[in-house]
């Protein structure tokens, strides 16, 4: 799963494919103010599985870059970004 937010649009990718887009809410991607919670939903509903390979980047990846990374990370090809 990958999520991008360019302060206009939030895009969610599953298995390297775009699965959702929506309007970005003002201020929600300013992680320095409110922090980030991974595996927690409103109402203290926590993920019971394993979360691995979490990364934060200083720029928004393109759909092509996300697909290439997914393919590379899953050993489907030897191409890397």
Protein backbone atom coordinates (compact mmCIF):
# COMPACT_ATOMS: atom_id res chain seq x y z
CA UNK A 1 0.00 0.00 0.00
CA UNK A 2 1.23 3.48 -0.84
CA UNK A 3 -0.41 6.82 -0.10
CA UNK A 4 0.49 10.15 -1.66
CA UNK A 5 -0.81 13.59 -0.71
CA UNK A 6 0.25 16.63 -2.71
CA UNK A 7 -1.95 19.00 -0.62
CA UNK A 8 -4.59 18.86 -3.37
CA UNK A 9 -5.27 15.15 -3.94
CA UNK A 10 -4.80 12.05 -1.81
CA UNK A 11 -4.09 8.89 -3.83
CA UNK A 12 -4.05 5.35 -2.47
CA UNK A 13 -2.29 2.54 -4.31
CA UNK A 14 -2.74 -1.17 -3.58
CA UNK A 15 -0.29 -3.64 -5.12
CA UNK A 16 1.13 -0.85 -7.26
CA UNK A 17 -2.24 0.09 -8.78
CA UNK A 18 -4.23 3.25 -8.06
CA UNK A 19 -7.30 2.26 -6.03
CA UNK A 20 -8.62 5.57 -4.66
CA UNK A 21 -8.27 9.31 -5.08
CA UNK A 22 -9.96 12.08 -3.16
CA UNK A 23 -9.60 15.69 -2.17
CA UNK A 24 -6.86 16.41 0.35
CA UNK A 25 -8.08 18.05 3.53
CA UNK A 26 -6.28 21.26 4.45
CA UNK A 27 -3.52 20.67 6.97
CA UNK A 28 -3.87 16.88 7.23
CA UNK A 29 -0.54 16.09 5.62
CA UNK A 30 1.52 18.39 7.86
CA UNK A 31 3.00 15.56 9.92
CA UNK A 32 5.17 17.91 11.93
CA UNK A 33 2.13 19.32 13.74
CA UNK A 34 0.01 16.32 14.66
CA UNK A 35 2.28 13.31 14.13
CA UNK A 36 1.52 10.12 12.27
CA UNK A 37 -0.20 7.01 13.56
CA UNK A 38 0.21 3.83 11.56
CA UNK A 39 -2.10 0.93 12.31
CA UNK A 40 -4.55 2.96 14.43
CA UNK A 41 -7.99 4.21 13.51
CA UNK A 42 -10.30 6.61 15.30
CA UNK A 43 -11.67 5.07 18.46
CA UNK A 44 -8.51 3.14 19.34
CA UNK A 45 -9.08 0.37 16.79
CA UNK A 46 -5.60 -1.04 16.26
CA UNK A 47 -4.25 -3.27 13.50
CA UNK A 48 -3.64 -6.82 14.72
CA UNK A 49 -1.22 -7.73 11.92
CA UNK A 50 2.37 -6.88 11.08
CA UNK A 51 3.24 -3.59 9.39
CA UNK A 52 6.64 -3.45 7.70
CA UNK A 53 8.62 -1.41 5.22
CA UNK A 54 7.17 1.97 6.22
CA UNK A 55 8.82 4.95 4.57
CA UNK A 56 8.34 8.70 4.36
CA UNK A 57 9.69 10.76 1.49
CA UNK A 58 10.14 14.49 0.90
CA UNK A 59 8.30 14.43 -2.41
CA UNK A 60 5.23 12.83 -3.95
CA UNK A 61 6.03 9.80 -6.09
CA UNK A 62 4.34 9.50 -9.48
CA UNK A 63 2.06 6.56 -10.27
CA UNK A 64 4.80 5.16 -12.52
CA UNK A 65 7.39 5.35 -9.71
CA UNK A 66 5.04 3.60 -7.28
CA UNK A 67 4.37 0.82 -9.79
CA UNK A 68 8.10 0.38 -10.49
CA UNK A 69 8.88 0.19 -6.78
CA UNK A 70 6.09 -2.35 -6.18
CA UNK A 71 7.35 -4.54 -9.03
CA UNK A 72 10.96 -4.29 -7.80
CA UNK A 73 10.10 -4.89 -4.12
CA UNK A 74 8.12 -8.02 -4.96
CA UNK A 75 10.85 -9.52 -7.11
CA UNK A 76 8.76 -9.40 -10.26
CA UNK A 77 11.55 -7.71 -12.22
CA UNK A 78 15.01 -6.35 -11.58
CA UNK A 79 14.10 -2.76 -12.43
CA UNK A 80 14.55 -0.17 -9.70
CA UNK A 81 13.61 3.53 -9.65
